[in-house]
């Protein structure tokens, strides 16, 4: 748990840096290698994008979070071959 209860000094650029750590969308591999374990910064007011990424990590777990982030941010890919491998429906 990373507590940022006094987050008034964190700028938009700072929140973007946290978002990039949680979901690096520069490539599918980088998205897969992003952080999928961090799920909370404590009781703080977060930008919506960051809240969604933390929620995905919390709800889906490591493997599920990686899959969901790839599907969300790389929708142009044909994921059909992975349905069986990842047990997707």
N, C-alpha and C. Protein backbone atom coordinates (compact mmCIF):
# COMPACT_ATOMS: atom_id res chain seq x y z
N UNK A 1 0.85 -1.18 0.00
CA UNK A 1 0.00 0.00 0.00
C UNK A 1 0.89 1.23 0.00
N UNK A 2 0.70 2.08 -0.98
CA UNK A 2 1.44 3.33 -1.09
C UNK A 2 0.47 4.44 -0.70
N UNK A 3 0.77 5.13 0.39
CA UNK A 3 -0.14 6.18 0.89
C UNK A 3 0.31 7.55 0.40
N UNK A 4 -0.57 8.23 -0.27
CA UNK A 4 -0.32 9.58 -0.76
C UNK A 4 -1.42 10.51 -0.27
N UNK A 5 -1.68 10.47 1.03
CA UNK A 5 -2.82 11.20 1.57
C UNK A 5 -2.71 12.71 1.36
N UNK A 6 -1.51 13.27 1.34
CA UNK A 6 -1.37 14.69 1.03
C UNK A 6 -0.85 14.80 -0.40
N UNK A 7 -1.76 14.66 -1.35
CA UNK A 7 -1.36 14.62 -2.76
C UNK A 7 -1.52 15.95 -3.46
N UNK A 8 -1.68 17.03 -2.72
CA UNK A 8 -1.92 18.32 -3.35
C UNK A 8 -0.75 18.80 -4.20
N UNK A 9 0.46 18.30 -3.92
CA UNK A 9 1.62 18.74 -4.68
C UNK A 9 1.86 17.89 -5.93
N UNK A 10 1.09 16.83 -6.12
CA UNK A 10 1.27 15.98 -7.28
C UNK A 10 0.57 16.62 -8.48
N UNK A 11 1.32 16.87 -9.51
CA UNK A 11 0.80 17.54 -10.70
C UNK A 11 0.18 16.52 -11.66
N UNK A 12 -0.43 17.04 -12.71
CA UNK A 12 -0.96 16.18 -13.78
C UNK A 12 0.14 15.30 -14.36
N UNK A 13 1.30 15.89 -14.52
CA UNK A 13 2.46 15.14 -15.04
C UNK A 13 2.85 14.01 -14.08
N UNK A 14 2.79 14.28 -12.80
CA UNK A 14 3.09 13.26 -11.80
C UNK A 14 2.12 12.10 -11.84
N UNK A 15 0.80 12.42 -11.95
CA UNK A 15 -0.21 11.36 -12.05
C UNK A 15 -0.03 10.58 -13.34
N UNK A 16 0.35 11.25 -14.42
CA UNK A 16 0.61 10.55 -15.68
C UNK A 16 1.76 9.55 -15.54
N UNK A 17 2.76 9.91 -14.74
CA UNK A 17 3.88 9.00 -14.51
C UNK A 17 3.41 7.74 -13.79
N UNK A 18 2.54 7.90 -12.79
CA UNK A 18 1.97 6.73 -12.11
C UNK A 18 1.16 5.89 -13.09
N UNK A 19 0.39 6.54 -13.94
CA UNK A 19 -0.41 5.82 -14.94
C UNK A 19 0.48 5.00 -15.87
N UNK A 20 1.61 5.59 -16.27
CA UNK A 20 2.52 4.88 -17.18
C UNK A 20 3.15 3.66 -16.50
N UNK A 21 3.40 3.74 -15.21
CA UNK A 21 3.93 2.59 -14.48
C UNK A 21 2.88 1.49 -14.40
N UNK A 22 1.63 1.87 -14.18
CA UNK A 22 0.55 0.89 -14.07
C UNK A 22 0.15 0.31 -15.42
N UNK A 23 0.34 1.08 -16.48
CA UNK A 23 -0.04 0.58 -17.81
C UNK A 23 0.72 1.34 -18.88
N UNK A 24 1.88 0.80 -19.24
CA UNK A 24 2.70 1.38 -20.30
C UNK A 24 2.14 0.89 -21.63
N UNK A 25 1.52 1.78 -22.37
CA UNK A 25 0.83 1.40 -23.62
C UNK A 25 1.69 1.53 -24.87
N UNK A 26 2.99 1.75 -24.71
CA UNK A 26 3.85 1.95 -25.88
C UNK A 26 3.98 0.70 -26.73
N UNK A 27 3.75 -0.47 -26.15
CA UNK A 27 3.74 -1.72 -26.89
C UNK A 27 2.97 -2.76 -26.08
N UNK A 28 2.57 -3.83 -26.72
CA UNK A 28 1.87 -4.90 -26.00
C UNK A 28 2.79 -5.48 -24.94
N UNK A 29 4.06 -5.69 -25.27
CA UNK A 29 4.99 -6.25 -24.31
C UNK A 29 5.16 -5.33 -23.10
N UNK A 30 5.26 -4.02 -23.34
CA UNK A 30 5.40 -3.08 -22.23
C UNK A 30 4.13 -3.03 -21.39
N UNK A 31 2.98 -3.19 -22.01
CA UNK A 31 1.74 -3.27 -21.24
C UNK A 31 1.76 -4.51 -20.36
N UNK A 32 2.18 -5.62 -20.92
CA UNK A 32 2.27 -6.87 -20.17
C UNK A 32 3.24 -6.75 -18.99
N UNK A 33 4.33 -6.02 -19.19
CA UNK A 33 5.36 -5.87 -18.15
C UNK A 33 5.06 -4.74 -17.15
N UNK A 34 3.96 -4.03 -17.34
CA UNK A 34 3.58 -2.96 -16.41
C UNK A 34 3.25 -3.53 -15.04
N UNK A 35 3.10 -2.63 -14.07
CA UNK A 35 2.76 -3.06 -12.71
C UNK A 35 1.30 -3.49 -12.63
N UNK A 36 1.07 -4.71 -12.16
CA UNK A 36 -0.28 -5.24 -12.00
C UNK A 36 -0.59 -5.59 -10.55
N UNK A 37 0.26 -5.16 -9.62
CA UNK A 37 0.07 -5.50 -8.21
C UNK A 37 -0.39 -4.32 -7.36
N UNK A 38 0.03 -3.12 -7.71
CA UNK A 38 -0.37 -1.93 -6.94
C UNK A 38 -1.86 -1.69 -7.14
N UNK A 39 -2.62 -1.54 -6.05
CA UNK A 39 -4.06 -1.36 -6.21
C UNK A 39 -4.63 -0.23 -5.38
N UNK A 40 -3.78 0.48 -4.65
CA UNK A 40 -4.31 1.59 -3.86
C UNK A 40 -3.19 2.59 -3.52
N UNK A 41 -3.57 3.86 -3.47
CA UNK A 41 -2.69 4.91 -2.97
C UNK A 41 -3.25 5.45 -1.66
N UNK A 42 -4.18 4.75 -1.05
CA UNK A 42 -4.83 5.24 0.15
C UNK A 42 -6.06 6.05 -0.21
N UNK A 43 -6.54 6.80 0.73
CA UNK A 43 -7.77 7.57 0.56
C UNK A 43 -7.44 8.93 -0.06
N UNK A 44 -7.27 8.94 -1.39
CA UNK A 44 -6.92 10.18 -2.10
C UNK A 44 -7.83 10.36 -3.30
N UNK A 45 -7.91 11.58 -3.76
CA UNK A 45 -8.69 11.90 -4.94
C UNK A 45 -7.79 11.71 -6.16
N UNK A 46 -8.08 10.67 -6.94
CA UNK A 46 -7.24 10.32 -8.09
C UNK A 46 -7.90 10.69 -9.40
N UNK A 47 -7.09 10.93 -10.43
CA UNK A 47 -7.66 11.10 -11.77
C UNK A 47 -8.39 9.81 -12.18
N UNK A 48 -9.46 9.92 -12.94
CA UNK A 48 -10.26 8.74 -13.31
C UNK A 48 -9.45 7.63 -13.97
N UNK A 49 -8.54 7.97 -14.88
CA UNK A 49 -7.74 6.94 -15.56
C UNK A 49 -6.94 6.12 -14.56
N UNK A 50 -6.36 6.78 -13.59
CA UNK A 50 -5.56 6.10 -12.57
C UNK A 50 -6.44 5.23 -11.69
N UNK A 51 -7.61 5.72 -11.34
CA UNK A 51 -8.55 4.92 -10.54
C UNK A 51 -8.94 3.64 -11.24
N UNK A 52 -9.18 3.72 -12.55
CA UNK A 52 -9.56 2.54 -13.33
C UNK A 52 -8.42 1.52 -13.33
N UNK A 53 -7.19 1.97 -13.54
CA UNK A 53 -6.06 1.06 -13.57
C UNK A 53 -5.85 0.37 -12.22
N UNK A 54 -6.00 1.10 -11.14
CA UNK A 54 -5.87 0.50 -9.81
C UNK A 54 -6.98 -0.51 -9.55
N UNK A 55 -8.17 -0.19 -10.01
CA UNK A 55 -9.30 -1.12 -9.85
C UNK A 55 -9.08 -2.40 -10.64
N UNK A 56 -8.58 -2.28 -11.86
CA UNK A 56 -8.27 -3.47 -12.67
C UNK A 56 -7.27 -4.34 -11.92
N UNK A 57 -6.22 -3.74 -11.37
CA UNK A 57 -5.24 -4.52 -10.61
C UNK A 57 -5.88 -5.21 -9.42
N UNK A 58 -6.73 -4.50 -8.71
CA UNK A 58 -7.35 -5.05 -7.50
C UNK A 58 -8.29 -6.20 -7.82
N UNK A 59 -9.14 -6.02 -8.81
CA UNK A 59 -10.18 -7.00 -9.13
C UNK A 59 -9.62 -8.21 -9.87
N UNK A 60 -8.70 -7.98 -10.80
CA UNK A 60 -8.29 -9.04 -11.72
C UNK A 60 -7.07 -9.83 -11.27
N UNK A 61 -6.26 -9.32 -10.38
CA UNK A 61 -5.02 -10.01 -10.04
C UNK A 61 -3.99 -9.82 -11.14
N UNK A 62 -2.77 -10.30 -10.91
CA UNK A 62 -1.66 -10.04 -11.85
C UNK A 62 -1.94 -10.48 -13.27
N UNK A 63 -2.22 -11.75 -13.49
CA UNK A 63 -2.42 -12.26 -14.85
C UNK A 63 -3.65 -11.63 -15.50
N UNK A 64 -4.74 -11.57 -14.76
CA UNK A 64 -5.98 -10.99 -15.29
C UNK A 64 -5.84 -9.52 -15.61
N UNK A 65 -5.09 -8.80 -14.78
CA UNK A 65 -4.88 -7.37 -15.02
C UNK A 65 -4.08 -7.16 -16.29
N UNK A 66 -3.06 -7.96 -16.50
CA UNK A 66 -2.26 -7.84 -17.72
C UNK A 66 -3.13 -8.07 -18.94
N UNK A 67 -3.94 -9.11 -18.91
CA UNK A 67 -4.81 -9.42 -20.05
C UNK A 67 -5.80 -8.29 -20.30
N UNK A 68 -6.43 -7.81 -19.26
CA UNK A 68 -7.43 -6.74 -19.41
C UNK A 68 -6.81 -5.46 -19.95
N UNK A 69 -5.64 -5.12 -19.46
CA UNK A 69 -4.97 -3.90 -19.94
C UNK A 69 -4.59 -4.02 -21.41
N UNK A 70 -4.12 -5.19 -21.80
CA UNK A 70 -3.79 -5.40 -23.21
C UNK A 70 -5.04 -5.27 -24.06
N UNK A 71 -6.13 -5.88 -23.64
CA UNK A 71 -7.38 -5.80 -24.40
C UNK A 71 -7.91 -4.38 -24.46
N UNK A 72 -7.78 -3.63 -23.37
CA UNK A 72 -8.28 -2.25 -23.33
C UNK A 72 -7.46 -1.31 -24.20
N UNK A 73 -6.17 -1.48 -24.21
CA UNK A 73 -5.30 -0.49 -24.85
C UNK A 73 -4.71 -0.92 -26.18
N UNK A 74 -4.95 -2.15 -26.57
CA UNK A 74 -4.45 -2.64 -27.85
C UNK A 74 -5.57 -3.37 -28.58
N UNK A 75 -6.70 -2.71 -28.70
CA UNK A 75 -7.90 -3.32 -29.29
C UNK A 75 -7.71 -3.67 -30.76
N UNK A 76 -6.72 -3.12 -31.41
CA UNK A 76 -6.47 -3.40 -32.82
C UNK A 76 -5.92 -4.81 -33.05
N UNK A 77 -5.51 -5.48 -32.00
CA UNK A 77 -4.93 -6.82 -32.13
C UNK A 77 -6.01 -7.89 -32.27
N UNK A 78 -5.72 -8.91 -33.02
CA UNK A 78 -6.62 -10.07 -33.11
C UNK A 78 -6.28 -10.99 -31.96
N UNK A 79 -7.14 -11.00 -30.94
CA UNK A 79 -6.87 -11.77 -29.73
C UNK A 79 -7.47 -13.18 -29.78
N UNK A 80 -8.08 -13.56 -30.88
CA UNK A 80 -8.71 -14.87 -31.01
C UNK A 80 -7.79 -16.02 -30.63
N UNK A 81 -6.52 -16.04 -31.07
CA UNK A 81 -5.65 -17.16 -30.71
C UNK A 81 -5.42 -17.32 -29.20
N UNK A 82 -5.65 -16.25 -28.45
CA UNK A 82 -5.38 -16.30 -27.01
C UNK A 82 -6.59 -16.69 -26.18
N UNK A 83 -7.75 -16.78 -26.78
CA UNK A 83 -8.97 -17.10 -26.03
C UNK A 83 -8.83 -18.41 -25.27
N UNK A 84 -8.30 -19.43 -25.91
CA UNK A 84 -8.14 -20.73 -25.25
C UNK A 84 -7.00 -20.67 -24.25
N UNK A 85 -5.88 -20.10 -24.67
CA UNK A 85 -4.70 -20.04 -23.81
C UNK A 85 -4.99 -19.26 -22.52
N UNK A 86 -5.74 -18.16 -22.62
CA UNK A 86 -6.03 -17.33 -21.46
C UNK A 86 -7.39 -17.65 -20.85
N UNK A 87 -8.06 -18.65 -21.36
CA UNK A 87 -9.37 -19.06 -20.87
C UNK A 87 -10.38 -17.90 -20.94
N UNK A 88 -10.39 -17.20 -22.09
CA UNK A 88 -11.31 -16.10 -22.30
C UNK A 88 -12.57 -16.62 -22.98
N UNK A 89 -13.66 -15.95 -22.76
CA UNK A 89 -14.93 -16.34 -23.35
C UNK A 89 -15.34 -15.31 -24.40
